[in-house]
Amino acid sequence: MFEAVAVAQFLSRDVAIAQIVTTITTIFYSLVFAIGYYLVVRGNRATLLEMRREHRFGGGPQILVEADYSRLPSIDLVVRNVSGGSARDITFEFSAPVEDSSGFVLSELPYLEQGVNFLGPGSHVACFWDDLDPLVSSLRAKGLDEGISVTVRYRDLTGEPYETRWTINPLLFAGNRHVPREGLGEVVSALEKLHDALSREAAADGGARPLERP
């Protein structure tokens, strides 16, 4: 009888322990599931907010500072917003002064030294820097063979901060054989030749009067 009671107590204790273990395991997995669900919801919410922000403001801004070589031998220094979002509170930090071969310091211009309040998508601000050959010589004399780096800090319209870093190095184009631009006189001469040719054709067409030059 005593042995039966002992066995019953032993089995009852094992059942209680099993129930406790089961309860702890259930609570543990429930907690893991709850944490996982929370992280998924939080991640989806952040993604949704980002998508809404991009949809509302056309994406995050991207401010680019570069040397524009489209008018060689002249070089322009350009600040561009190349994205679909507007930028505000734009500031610039240069690793060295940006100056031309005459000593004029472009980086001390108000919009570069004090910053730009606002720049819309696709907008840009440009100024003439220098001609290529004298600028290359000036940069080499200052030991700026690796170019000048500029750190740009700005915010989008929601206040989200951004920071980008660019390197401007005209020495990469040293010795470039640019295509010379036609002078104004050559353009005028070509227009006069075209005018004369049209006048002769008009005169030969049934005795029509030649065109008068403006």
N, C-alpha and C. Protein backbone atom coordinates (compact mmCIF):
# COMPACT_ATOMS: atom_id res chain seq x y z
N MET A 1 0.83 -1.20 0.00
CA MET A 1 0.00 0.00 0.00
C MET A 1 0.87 1.25 0.00
N PHE A 2 1.90 1.19 0.84
CA PHE A 2 2.82 2.32 0.94
C PHE A 2 3.53 2.56 -0.39
N GLU A 3 3.90 1.42 -1.03
CA GLU A 3 4.58 1.54 -2.32
C GLU A 3 3.65 2.14 -3.38
N ALA A 4 2.38 1.78 -3.36
CA ALA A 4 1.42 2.32 -4.33
C ALA A 4 1.27 3.82 -4.15
N VAL A 5 1.23 4.24 -2.86
CA VAL A 5 1.10 5.67 -2.59
C VAL A 5 2.34 6.42 -3.07
N ALA A 6 3.50 5.84 -2.84
CA ALA A 6 4.76 6.47 -3.26
C ALA A 6 4.82 6.61 -4.78
N VAL A 7 4.39 5.53 -5.44
CA VAL A 7 4.39 5.57 -6.92
C VAL A 7 3.45 6.64 -7.43
N ALA A 8 2.28 6.71 -6.76
CA ALA A 8 1.29 7.71 -7.18
C ALA A 8 1.83 9.12 -6.97
N GLN A 9 2.49 9.32 -5.84
CA GLN A 9 3.07 10.65 -5.58
C GLN A 9 4.17 10.98 -6.59
N PHE A 10 4.97 9.95 -6.91
CA PHE A 10 6.06 10.16 -7.88
C PHE A 10 5.51 10.52 -9.25
N LEU A 11 4.47 9.77 -9.66
CA LEU A 11 3.87 10.06 -10.95
C LEU A 11 3.21 11.43 -10.96
N SER A 12 2.57 11.77 -9.83
CA SER A 12 1.92 13.08 -9.75
C SER A 12 2.95 14.20 -9.86
N ARG A 13 4.12 13.99 -9.22
CA ARG A 13 5.17 15.00 -9.31
C ARG A 13 5.70 15.13 -10.73
N ASP A 14 5.88 14.01 -11.41
CA ASP A 14 6.36 14.04 -12.80
C ASP A 14 5.37 14.76 -13.71
N VAL A 15 4.07 14.50 -13.44
CA VAL A 15 3.04 15.16 -14.24
C VAL A 15 3.08 16.66 -14.02
N ALA A 16 3.26 17.06 -12.75
CA ALA A 16 3.33 18.49 -12.44
C ALA A 16 4.54 19.14 -13.10
N ILE A 17 5.68 18.43 -13.03
CA ILE A 17 6.90 18.96 -13.67
C ILE A 17 6.70 19.08 -15.18
N ALA A 18 6.06 18.06 -15.77
CA ALA A 18 5.82 18.08 -17.21
C ALA A 18 4.91 19.25 -17.59
N GLN A 19 3.90 19.48 -16.75
CA GLN A 19 2.99 20.59 -17.02
C GLN A 19 3.72 21.94 -16.92
N ILE A 20 4.63 22.04 -15.91
CA ILE A 20 5.39 23.29 -15.76
C ILE A 20 6.29 23.51 -16.96
N VAL A 21 6.97 22.41 -17.38
CA VAL A 21 7.86 22.52 -18.56
C VAL A 21 7.07 22.90 -19.79
N THR A 22 5.90 22.28 -19.95
CA THR A 22 5.05 22.60 -21.10
C THR A 22 4.62 24.06 -21.08
N THR A 23 4.25 24.53 -19.90
CA THR A 23 3.80 25.92 -19.77
C THR A 23 4.93 26.89 -20.09
N ILE A 24 6.14 26.60 -19.55
CA ILE A 24 7.31 27.46 -19.82
C ILE A 24 7.65 27.47 -21.31
N THR A 25 7.60 26.27 -21.91
CA THR A 25 7.90 26.18 -23.35
C THR A 25 6.89 26.97 -24.18
N THR A 26 5.61 26.85 -23.79
CA THR A 26 4.57 27.59 -24.51
C THR A 26 4.77 29.09 -24.38
N ILE A 27 5.08 29.52 -23.15
CA ILE A 27 5.31 30.95 -22.93
C ILE A 27 6.53 31.43 -23.73
N PHE A 28 7.60 30.61 -23.75
CA PHE A 28 8.81 30.98 -24.45
C PHE A 28 8.54 31.17 -25.95
N TYR A 29 7.89 30.17 -26.56
CA TYR A 29 7.62 30.26 -27.99
C TYR A 29 6.62 31.38 -28.30
N SER A 30 5.68 31.61 -27.40
CA SER A 30 4.74 32.72 -27.60
C SER A 30 5.47 34.05 -27.57
N LEU A 31 6.44 34.17 -26.64
CA LEU A 31 7.22 35.39 -26.55
C LEU A 31 8.08 35.60 -27.78
N VAL A 32 8.71 34.52 -28.26
CA VAL A 32 9.52 34.61 -29.48
C VAL A 32 8.65 35.02 -30.67
N PHE A 33 7.47 34.41 -30.76
CA PHE A 33 6.55 34.76 -31.85
C PHE A 33 6.13 36.22 -31.77
N ALA A 34 5.83 36.67 -30.53
CA ALA A 34 5.40 38.06 -30.36
C ALA A 34 6.51 39.04 -30.74
N ILE A 35 7.75 38.73 -30.34
CA ILE A 35 8.88 39.60 -30.69
C ILE A 35 9.09 39.62 -32.19
N GLY A 36 9.05 38.42 -32.79
CA GLY A 36 9.22 38.35 -34.25
C GLY A 36 8.14 39.12 -34.99
N TYR A 37 6.91 38.96 -34.52
CA TYR A 37 5.79 39.67 -35.16
C TYR A 37 5.97 41.19 -35.02
N TYR A 38 6.42 41.61 -33.83
CA TYR A 38 6.64 43.04 -33.60
C TYR A 38 7.72 43.59 -34.54
N LEU A 39 8.82 42.84 -34.70
CA LEU A 39 9.89 43.29 -35.58
C LEU A 39 9.43 43.36 -37.03
N VAL A 40 8.64 42.37 -37.44
CA VAL A 40 8.12 42.38 -38.82
C VAL A 40 7.21 43.58 -39.04
N VAL A 41 6.30 43.81 -38.07
CA VAL A 41 5.38 44.94 -38.20
C VAL A 41 6.14 46.26 -38.20
N ARG A 42 7.15 46.35 -37.33
CA ARG A 42 7.94 47.57 -37.25
C ARG A 42 8.70 47.81 -38.55
N GLY A 43 9.29 46.72 -39.10
CA GLY A 43 10.01 46.86 -40.36
C GLY A 43 9.08 47.25 -41.49
N ASN A 44 7.92 46.63 -41.56
CA ASN A 44 6.95 46.97 -42.60
C ASN A 44 6.47 48.40 -42.45
N ARG A 45 6.29 48.83 -41.20
CA ARG A 45 5.84 50.20 -40.96
C ARG A 45 6.90 51.21 -41.41
N ALA A 46 8.19 50.90 -41.11
CA ALA A 46 9.26 51.79 -41.55
C ALA A 46 9.34 51.84 -43.07
N THR A 47 9.18 50.68 -43.70
CA THR A 47 9.20 50.64 -45.17
C THR A 47 8.04 51.42 -45.75
N LEU A 48 6.85 51.27 -45.13
CA LEU A 48 5.67 51.98 -45.61
C LEU A 48 5.85 53.49 -45.46
N LEU A 49 6.40 53.91 -44.31
CA LEU A 49 6.64 55.35 -44.11
C LEU A 49 7.64 55.89 -45.13
N GLU A 50 8.68 55.09 -45.42
CA GLU A 50 9.67 55.53 -46.41
C GLU A 50 9.04 55.62 -47.79
N MET A 51 8.20 54.64 -48.13
CA MET A 51 7.53 54.68 -49.43
C MET A 51 6.59 55.88 -49.52
N ARG A 52 5.88 56.17 -48.43
CA ARG A 52 4.99 57.32 -48.44
C ARG A 52 5.78 58.62 -48.59
N ARG A 53 6.93 58.68 -47.87
CA ARG A 53 7.75 59.88 -47.94
C ARG A 53 8.29 60.08 -49.36
N GLU A 54 8.77 59.01 -49.99
CA GLU A 54 9.30 59.12 -51.34
C GLU A 54 8.20 59.47 -52.33
N HIS A 55 7.01 58.88 -52.13
CA HIS A 55 5.91 59.19 -53.02
C HIS A 55 5.48 60.64 -52.89
N ARG A 56 5.50 61.15 -51.65
CA ARG A 56 5.05 62.51 -51.42
C ARG A 56 6.05 63.54 -51.91
N PHE A 57 7.32 63.28 -51.68
CA PHE A 57 8.33 64.28 -51.99
C PHE A 57 9.20 63.90 -53.18
N GLY A 58 8.85 62.84 -53.90
CA GLY A 58 9.59 62.49 -55.11
C GLY A 58 10.92 61.83 -54.85
N GLY A 59 11.12 61.16 -53.72
CA GLY A 59 12.37 60.50 -53.41
C GLY A 59 13.32 61.42 -52.67
N GLY A 60 14.34 60.82 -52.05
CA GLY A 60 15.31 61.59 -51.29
C GLY A 60 16.20 62.41 -52.22
N PRO A 61 16.63 63.59 -51.75
CA PRO A 61 17.49 64.43 -52.59
C PRO A 61 18.90 63.87 -52.70
N GLN A 62 19.61 64.24 -53.73
CA GLN A 62 21.00 63.85 -53.93
C GLN A 62 21.74 65.07 -54.46
N ILE A 63 22.51 65.72 -53.59
CA ILE A 63 23.23 66.93 -53.96
C ILE A 63 24.62 66.56 -54.43
N LEU A 64 24.96 66.99 -55.63
CA LEU A 64 26.23 66.67 -56.27
C LEU A 64 27.03 67.96 -56.48
N VAL A 65 28.31 67.94 -56.14
CA VAL A 65 29.22 69.05 -56.43
C VAL A 65 30.27 68.52 -57.40
N GLU A 66 30.39 69.17 -58.56
CA GLU A 66 31.28 68.66 -59.59
C GLU A 66 31.86 69.78 -60.42
N ALA A 67 32.93 69.43 -61.12
CA ALA A 67 33.48 70.31 -62.15
C ALA A 67 32.83 69.93 -63.47
N ASP A 68 32.28 70.93 -64.16
CA ASP A 68 31.60 70.70 -65.44
C ASP A 68 32.58 71.00 -66.57
N TYR A 69 32.84 69.97 -67.40
CA TYR A 69 33.82 70.10 -68.48
C TYR A 69 33.14 70.22 -69.86
N SER A 70 31.88 70.53 -69.88
CA SER A 70 31.15 70.58 -71.15
C SER A 70 31.52 71.79 -71.99
N ARG A 71 32.24 72.78 -71.39
CA ARG A 71 32.61 73.98 -72.14
C ARG A 71 34.12 74.12 -72.26
N LEU A 72 34.83 73.01 -72.29
CA LEU A 72 36.28 73.08 -72.37
C LEU A 72 36.74 74.01 -73.50
N PRO A 73 37.81 74.79 -73.25
CA PRO A 73 38.73 74.69 -72.11
C PRO A 73 38.22 75.33 -70.82
N SER A 74 37.04 75.98 -70.85
CA SER A 74 36.49 76.57 -69.63
C SER A 74 35.91 75.48 -68.74
N ILE A 75 36.10 75.64 -67.43
CA ILE A 75 35.58 74.69 -66.45
C ILE A 75 34.67 75.44 -65.49
N ASP A 76 33.51 74.88 -65.21
CA ASP A 76 32.56 75.47 -64.27
C ASP A 76 32.48 74.61 -63.03
N LEU A 77 32.23 75.24 -61.90
CA LEU A 77 31.95 74.53 -60.66
C LEU A 77 30.44 74.53 -60.46
N VAL A 78 29.85 73.34 -60.34
CA VAL A 78 28.39 73.21 -60.35
C VAL A 78 27.92 72.45 -59.12
N VAL A 79 26.84 72.96 -58.53
CA VAL A 79 26.11 72.27 -57.46
C VAL A 79 24.78 71.84 -58.05
N ARG A 80 24.49 70.54 -58.03
CA ARG A 80 23.26 70.03 -58.65
C ARG A 80 22.46 69.20 -57.64
N ASN A 81 21.16 69.26 -57.79
CA ASN A 81 20.26 68.31 -57.13
C ASN A 81 19.79 67.35 -58.22
N VAL A 82 20.39 66.16 -58.25
CA VAL A 82 20.17 65.25 -59.38
C VAL A 82 19.03 64.27 -59.13
N SER A 83 18.30 64.41 -58.01
CA SER A 83 17.24 63.45 -57.71
C SER A 83 15.87 64.10 -57.84
N GLY A 84 14.85 63.33 -57.43
CA GLY A 84 13.48 63.83 -57.52
C GLY A 84 12.99 64.51 -56.27
N GLY A 85 13.83 64.65 -55.24
CA GLY A 85 13.40 65.27 -53.99
C GLY A 85 14.09 66.60 -53.76
N SER A 86 13.43 67.50 -53.05
CA SER A 86 13.99 68.81 -52.74
C SER A 86 14.91 68.70 -51.53
N ALA A 87 15.93 69.59 -51.49
CA ALA A 87 16.88 69.63 -50.39
C ALA A 87 16.88 71.02 -49.77
N ARG A 88 17.11 71.05 -48.46
CA ARG A 88 17.18 72.33 -47.76
C ARG A 88 18.35 72.30 -46.77
N ASP A 89 18.72 73.50 -46.29
CA ASP A 89 19.81 73.63 -45.31
C ASP A 89 21.08 72.94 -45.81
N ILE A 90 21.50 73.28 -47.03
CA ILE A 90 22.65 72.64 -47.66
C ILE A 90 23.92 73.38 -47.25
N THR A 91 24.91 72.64 -46.75
CA THR A 91 26.19 73.23 -46.38
C THR A 91 27.32 72.46 -47.06
N PHE A 92 28.47 73.14 -47.24
CA PHE A 92 29.61 72.57 -47.94
C PHE A 92 30.87 72.70 -47.08
N GLU A 93 31.65 71.64 -47.05
CA GLU A 93 32.92 71.65 -46.34
C GLU A 93 34.01 71.15 -47.29
N PHE A 94 34.93 72.05 -47.68
CA PHE A 94 35.97 71.73 -48.65
C PHE A 94 37.27 71.36 -47.93
N SER A 95 37.99 70.39 -48.49
CA SER A 95 39.26 69.97 -47.91
C SER A 95 40.36 70.99 -48.16
N ALA A 96 40.17 71.84 -49.17
CA ALA A 96 41.11 72.91 -49.50
C ALA A 96 40.33 74.00 -50.22
N PRO A 97 40.80 75.25 -50.18
CA PRO A 97 40.09 76.32 -50.89
C PRO A 97 40.00 76.03 -52.39
N VAL A 98 38.83 76.29 -52.95
CA VAL A 98 38.64 76.17 -54.40
C VAL A 98 38.88 77.54 -55.01
N GLU A 99 40.01 77.71 -55.69
CA GLU A 99 40.35 79.00 -56.26
C GLU A 99 40.87 78.84 -57.67
N ASP A 100 40.81 79.92 -58.45
CA ASP A 100 41.30 79.87 -59.82
C ASP A 100 42.78 80.25 -59.84
N SER A 101 43.35 80.29 -61.04
CA SER A 101 44.78 80.54 -61.17
C SER A 101 45.16 81.97 -60.82
N SER A 102 44.20 82.88 -60.75
CA SER A 102 44.48 84.26 -60.38
C SER A 102 44.40 84.49 -58.87
N GLY A 103 43.94 83.49 -58.14
CA GLY A 103 43.83 83.61 -56.70
C GLY A 103 42.44 83.88 -56.19
N PHE A 104 41.45 84.00 -57.07
CA PHE A 104 40.07 84.21 -56.65
C PHE A 104 39.53 82.93 -56.03
N VAL A 105 39.00 83.02 -54.81
CA VAL A 105 38.55 81.83 -54.07
C VAL A 105 37.06 81.63 -54.26
N LEU A 106 36.70 80.62 -55.04
CA LEU A 106 35.29 80.34 -55.30
C LEU A 106 34.58 79.83 -54.05
N SER A 107 35.29 79.06 -53.23
CA SER A 107 34.65 78.47 -52.06
C SER A 107 34.30 79.51 -51.00
N GLU A 108 34.70 80.77 -51.22
CA GLU A 108 34.30 81.85 -50.32
C GLU A 108 33.10 82.63 -50.84
N LEU A 109 32.56 82.19 -51.97
CA LEU A 109 31.31 82.78 -52.43
C LEU A 109 30.22 82.51 -51.40
N PRO A 110 29.29 83.46 -51.20
CA PRO A 110 28.32 83.31 -50.11
C PRO A 110 27.56 81.99 -50.11
N TYR A 111 27.12 81.53 -51.29
CA TYR A 111 26.29 80.32 -51.29
C TYR A 111 27.10 79.06 -50.98
N LEU A 112 28.44 79.12 -51.20
CA LEU A 112 29.28 77.98 -50.86
C LEU A 112 29.81 78.07 -49.43
N GLU A 113 30.07 79.28 -48.97
CA GLU A 113 30.60 79.46 -47.63
C GLU A 113 29.51 79.40 -46.57
N GLN A 114 28.36 80.00 -46.86
CA GLN A 114 27.26 80.07 -45.88
C GLN A 114 26.20 79.00 -46.10
N GLY A 115 26.17 78.40 -47.28
CA GLY A 115 25.21 77.36 -47.58
C GLY A 115 24.03 77.85 -48.41
N VAL A 116 23.24 76.89 -48.85
CA VAL A 116 22.08 77.16 -49.70
C VAL A 116 20.83 76.75 -48.92
N ASN A 117 19.86 77.63 -48.87
CA ASN A 117 18.63 77.34 -48.10
C ASN A 117 17.80 76.24 -48.75
N PHE A 118 17.72 76.24 -50.08
CA PHE A 118 16.81 75.32 -50.76
C PHE A 118 17.29 75.08 -52.18
N LEU A 119 17.16 73.84 -52.63
CA LEU A 119 17.47 73.50 -54.02
C LEU A 119 16.49 72.42 -54.46
N GLY A 120 15.65 72.78 -55.44
CA GLY A 120 14.62 71.86 -55.90
C GLY A 120 15.19 70.77 -56.79
N PRO A 121 14.40 69.74 -57.06
CA PRO A 121 14.85 68.63 -57.91
C PRO A 121 15.16 69.11 -59.32
N GLY A 122 16.32 68.70 -59.82
CA GLY A 122 16.76 69.09 -61.16
C GLY A 122 17.39 70.46 -61.22
N SER A 123 17.43 71.20 -60.11
CA SER A 123 18.00 72.55 -60.11
C SER A 123 19.51 72.48 -59.93
N HIS A 124 20.19 73.56 -60.34
CA HIS A 124 21.63 73.62 -60.15
C HIS A 124 22.09 75.07 -60.03
N VAL A 125 23.26 75.26 -59.45
CA VAL A 125 23.90 76.56 -59.35
C VAL A 125 25.32 76.39 -59.90
N ALA A 126 25.70 77.25 -60.84
CA ALA A 126 27.01 77.10 -61.48
C ALA A 126 27.74 78.43 -61.52
N CYS A 127 29.06 78.35 -61.50
CA CYS A 127 29.89 79.55 -61.69
C CYS A 127 31.16 79.14 -62.43
N PHE A 128 31.72 80.07 -63.19
CA PHE A 128 32.95 79.81 -63.93
C PHE A 128 34.11 79.64 -62.96
N TRP A 129 34.91 78.58 -63.16
CA TRP A 129 36.06 78.32 -62.29
C TRP A 129 37.33 78.85 -62.93
N ASP A 130 37.72 78.28 -64.08
CA ASP A 130 38.97 78.68 -64.74
C ASP A 130 39.07 77.93 -66.06
N ASP A 131 40.07 78.28 -66.84
CA ASP A 131 40.40 77.48 -68.02
C ASP A 131 41.29 76.32 -67.59
N LEU A 132 41.24 75.24 -68.35
CA LEU A 132 41.85 73.99 -67.93
C LEU A 132 43.35 74.09 -67.68
N ASP A 133 44.11 74.58 -68.65
CA ASP A 133 45.58 74.56 -68.52
C ASP A 133 46.08 75.39 -67.34
N PRO A 134 45.68 76.65 -67.19
CA PRO A 134 46.17 77.39 -66.01
C PRO A 134 45.66 76.80 -64.69
N LEU A 135 44.46 76.21 -64.68
CA LEU A 135 43.94 75.62 -63.45
C LEU A 135 44.75 74.39 -63.06
N VAL A 136 45.11 73.57 -64.03
CA VAL A 136 45.93 72.39 -63.75
C VAL A 136 47.27 72.80 -63.16
N SER A 137 47.90 73.80 -63.75
CA SER A 137 49.18 74.28 -63.23
C SER A 137 49.04 74.81 -61.81
N SER A 138 47.95 75.55 -61.55
CA SER A 138 47.72 76.11 -60.22
C SER A 138 47.50 75.02 -59.18
N LEU A 139 46.72 73.99 -59.51
CA LEU A 139 46.47 72.91 -58.57
C LEU A 139 47.74 72.12 -58.27
N ARG A 140 48.55 71.89 -59.30
CA ARG A 140 49.81 71.17 -59.08
C ARG A 140 50.76 71.98 -58.20
N ALA A 141 50.80 73.28 -58.40
CA ALA A 141 51.67 74.13 -57.59
C ALA A 141 51.25 74.12 -56.12
N LYS A 142 49.96 73.90 -55.86
CA LYS A 142 49.46 73.85 -54.48
C LYS A 142 49.52 72.45 -53.90
N GLY A 143 50.01 71.48 -54.68
CA GLY A 143 50.10 70.10 -54.19
C GLY A 143 48.78 69.37 -54.14
N LEU A 144 47.81 69.82 -54.94
CA LEU A 144 46.48 69.20 -54.94
C LEU A 144 46.33 68.21 -56.08
N ASP A 145 47.31 67.31 -56.20
CA ASP A 145 47.28 66.33 -57.30
C ASP A 145 46.12 65.35 -57.16
N GLU A 146 45.62 65.15 -55.96
CA GLU A 146 44.50 64.23 -55.75
C GLU A 146 43.16 64.96 -55.82
N GLY A 147 43.19 66.26 -56.12
CA GLY A 147 41.95 67.02 -56.23
C GLY A 147 41.51 67.59 -54.89
N ILE A 148 40.31 68.11 -54.87
CA ILE A 148 39.71 68.71 -53.67
C ILE A 148 38.43 67.95 -53.34
N SER A 149 38.32 67.54 -52.10
CA SER A 149 37.11 66.83 -51.69
C SER A 149 36.16 67.82 -51.02
N VAL A 150 34.88 67.54 -51.17
CA VAL A 150 33.85 68.40 -50.55
C VAL A 150 32.81 67.50 -49.91
N THR A 151 32.51 67.79 -48.64
CA THR A 151 31.46 67.09 -47.92
C THR A 151 30.21 67.96 -47.91
N VAL A 152 29.11 67.40 -48.38
CA VAL A 152 27.85 68.13 -48.48
C VAL A 152 26.87 67.56 -47.47
N ARG A 153 26.30 68.43 -46.65
CA ARG A 153 25.30 68.02 -45.67
C ARG A 153 24.00 68.78 -45.96
N TYR A 154 22.88 68.08 -45.86
CA TYR A 154 21.60 68.70 -46.19
C TYR A 154 20.47 67.87 -45.60
N ARG A 155 19.25 68.37 -45.74
CA ARG A 155 18.06 67.68 -45.25
C ARG A 155 17.00 67.66 -46.35
N ASP A 156 16.11 66.67 -46.26
CA ASP A 156 14.96 66.69 -47.15
C ASP A 156 13.84 67.47 -46.47
N LEU A 157 12.67 67.52 -47.09
CA LEU A 157 11.59 68.34 -46.56
C LEU A 157 10.99 67.79 -45.27
N THR A 158 11.28 66.53 -44.95
CA THR A 158 10.81 65.96 -43.69
C THR A 158 11.80 66.18 -42.56
N GLY A 159 12.98 66.71 -42.87
CA GLY A 159 14.01 66.91 -41.87
C GLY A 159 15.03 65.80 -41.80
N GLU A 160 14.89 64.77 -42.65
CA GLU A 160 15.83 63.66 -42.65
C GLU A 160 17.20 64.14 -43.12
N PRO A 161 18.28 63.89 -42.33
CA PRO A 161 19.61 64.39 -42.71
C PRO A 161 20.30 63.48 -43.73
N TYR A 162 21.12 64.10 -44.58
CA TYR A 162 21.91 63.38 -45.57
C TYR A 162 23.33 63.94 -45.55
N GLU A 163 24.27 63.11 -45.98
CA GLU A 163 25.65 63.56 -46.11
C GLU A 163 26.31 62.81 -47.26
N THR A 164 26.91 63.55 -48.19
CA THR A 164 27.60 62.94 -49.32
C THR A 164 28.98 63.58 -49.45
N ARG A 165 29.89 62.87 -50.05
CA ARG A 165 31.26 63.34 -50.21
C ARG A 165 31.70 63.14 -51.65
N TRP A 166 32.26 64.19 -52.25
CA TRP A 166 32.68 64.16 -53.64
C TRP A 166 34.12 64.64 -53.77
N THR A 167 34.79 64.20 -54.82
CA THR A 167 36.14 64.67 -55.11
C THR A 167 36.15 65.36 -56.47
N ILE A 168 36.68 66.58 -56.50
CA ILE A 168 36.77 67.36 -57.73
C ILE A 168 38.24 67.40 -58.15
N ASN A 169 38.54 66.88 -59.32
CA ASN A 169 39.94 66.80 -59.73
C ASN A 169 40.11 67.09 -61.22
N PRO A 170 40.26 68.35 -61.61
CA PRO A 170 40.47 68.70 -63.02
C PRO A 170 41.77 68.15 -63.59
N LEU A 171 42.73 67.73 -62.73
CA LEU A 171 43.99 67.20 -63.25
C LEU A 171 43.79 65.94 -64.06
N LEU A 172 42.66 65.25 -63.85
CA LEU A 172 42.38 64.06 -64.64
C LEU A 172 42.23 64.38 -66.12
N PHE A 173 41.92 65.66 -66.44
CA PHE A 173 41.72 66.06 -67.83
C PHE A 173 42.89 66.88 -68.36
N ALA A 174 44.01 66.84 -67.65
CA ALA A 174 45.19 67.60 -68.10
C ALA A 174 45.64 67.13 -69.48
N GLY A 175 45.91 68.09 -70.35
CA GLY A 175 46.36 67.76 -71.70
C GLY A 175 45.25 67.35 -72.64
N ASN A 176 44.00 67.45 -72.19
CA ASN A 176 42.89 67.06 -73.05
C ASN A 176 42.81 67.96 -74.28
N ARG A 177 42.68 67.36 -75.44
CA ARG A 177 42.60 68.12 -76.71
C ARG A 177 41.12 68.41 -76.99
N HIS A 178 40.69 69.55 -76.50
CA HIS A 178 39.28 69.91 -76.61
C HIS A 178 38.97 70.38 -78.03
N VAL A 179 37.71 70.32 -78.38
CA VAL A 179 37.23 70.81 -79.68
C VAL A 179 36.93 72.29 -79.54
N PRO A 180 37.62 73.17 -80.30
CA PRO A 180 37.38 74.61 -80.16
C PRO A 180 35.98 74.98 -80.60
N ARG A 181 35.41 75.95 -79.89
CA ARG A 181 34.08 76.44 -80.24
C ARG A 181 34.18 77.45 -81.36
N GLU A 182 33.17 77.44 -82.23
CA GLU A 182 33.13 78.41 -83.32
C GLU A 182 32.89 79.80 -82.77
N GLY A 183 33.61 80.77 -83.34
CA GLY A 183 33.41 82.15 -82.93
C GLY A 183 32.13 82.73 -83.52
N LEU A 184 31.72 83.87 -82.99
CA LEU A 184 30.49 84.51 -83.45
C LEU A 184 30.61 84.93 -84.91
N GLY A 185 31.82 85.37 -85.33
CA GLY A 185 32.01 85.79 -86.72
C GLY A 185 31.79 84.66 -87.70
N GLU A 186 32.23 83.46 -87.34
CA GLU A 186 32.04 82.31 -88.22
C GLU A 186 30.56 81.96 -88.34
N VAL A 187 29.82 82.09 -87.26
CA VAL A 187 28.38 81.81 -87.31
C VAL A 187 27.68 82.82 -88.20
N VAL A 188 28.02 84.11 -88.08
CA VAL A 188 27.42 85.15 -88.91
C VAL A 188 27.75 84.92 -90.37
N SER A 189 29.00 84.54 -90.66
CA SER A 189 29.41 84.29 -92.05
C SER A 189 28.62 83.13 -92.65
N ALA A 190 28.42 82.08 -91.86
CA ALA A 190 27.66 80.94 -92.37
C ALA A 190 26.21 81.32 -92.64
N LEU A 191 25.62 82.16 -91.79
CA LEU A 191 24.24 82.61 -92.01
C LEU A 191 24.14 83.48 -93.26
N GLU A 192 25.13 84.34 -93.51
CA GLU A 192 25.12 85.19 -94.70
C GLU A 192 25.22 84.35 -95.98
N LYS A 193 26.06 83.31 -95.94
CA LYS A 193 26.18 82.43 -97.11
C LYS A 193 24.86 81.71 -97.38
N LEU A 194 24.20 81.26 -96.33
CA LEU A 194 22.91 80.60 -96.49
C LEU A 194 21.87 81.56 -97.05
N HIS A 195 21.90 82.81 -96.58
CA HIS A 195 20.96 83.82 -97.07
C HIS A 195 21.17 84.09 -98.55
N ASP A 196 22.44 84.22 -98.98
CA ASP A 196 22.73 84.47 -100.40
C ASP A 196 22.27 83.30 -101.26
N ALA A 197 22.49 82.07 -100.80
CA ALA A 197 22.08 80.90 -101.57
C ALA A 197 20.56 80.86 -101.73
N LEU A 198 19.83 81.17 -100.68
CA LEU A 198 18.37 81.20 -100.76
C LEU A 198 17.90 82.32 -101.67
N SER A 199 18.59 83.44 -101.68
CA SER A 199 18.22 84.55 -102.55
C SER A 199 18.38 84.18 -104.01
N ARG A 200 19.49 83.51 -104.35
CA ARG A 200 19.71 83.11 -105.74
C ARG A 200 18.67 82.10 -106.19
N GLU A 201 18.30 81.16 -105.30
CA GLU A 201 17.28 80.18 -105.68
C GLU A 201 15.93 80.86 -105.89
N ALA A 202 15.62 81.84 -105.05
CA ALA A 202 14.36 82.54 -105.19
C ALA A 202 14.32 83.36 -106.48
N ALA A 203 15.47 83.96 -106.87
CA ALA A 203 15.54 84.75 -108.09
C ALA A 203 15.40 83.90 -109.33
N ALA A 204 15.93 82.68 -109.27
CA ALA A 204 15.86 81.78 -110.42
C ALA A 204 14.51 81.11 -110.56
N ASP A 205 13.67 81.21 -109.59
CA ASP A 205 12.36 80.55 -109.60
C ASP A 205 11.31 81.49 -110.20
N GLY A 206 11.20 81.50 -111.54
CA GLY A 206 10.17 82.28 -112.22
C GLY A 206 10.36 83.78 -112.11
N GLY A 207 11.62 84.21 -111.98
CA GLY A 207 11.86 85.65 -111.95
C GLY A 207 11.45 86.29 -110.65
N ALA A 208 11.35 85.51 -109.61
CA ALA A 208 10.99 86.11 -108.32
C ALA A 208 12.10 87.01 -107.84
N ARG A 209 11.74 87.99 -107.01
CA ARG A 209 12.69 88.95 -106.52
C ARG A 209 13.61 88.31 -105.49
N PRO A 210 14.88 88.69 -105.50
CA PRO A 210 15.80 88.17 -104.47
C PRO A 210 15.35 88.60 -103.08
N LEU A 211 15.65 87.77 -102.12
CA LEU A 211 15.31 88.11 -100.74
C LEU A 211 16.16 89.28 -100.26
N GLU A 212 15.55 90.18 -99.51
CA GLU A 212 16.28 91.30 -98.95
C GLU A 212 16.91 90.91 -97.63
N ARG A 213 18.14 91.36 -97.46
CA ARG A 213 18.83 91.08 -96.20
C ARG A 213 18.26 91.96 -95.10
N PRO A 214 18.12 91.41 -93.95
CA PRO A 214 17.62 92.22 -92.83
C PRO A 214 18.63 93.28 -92.43
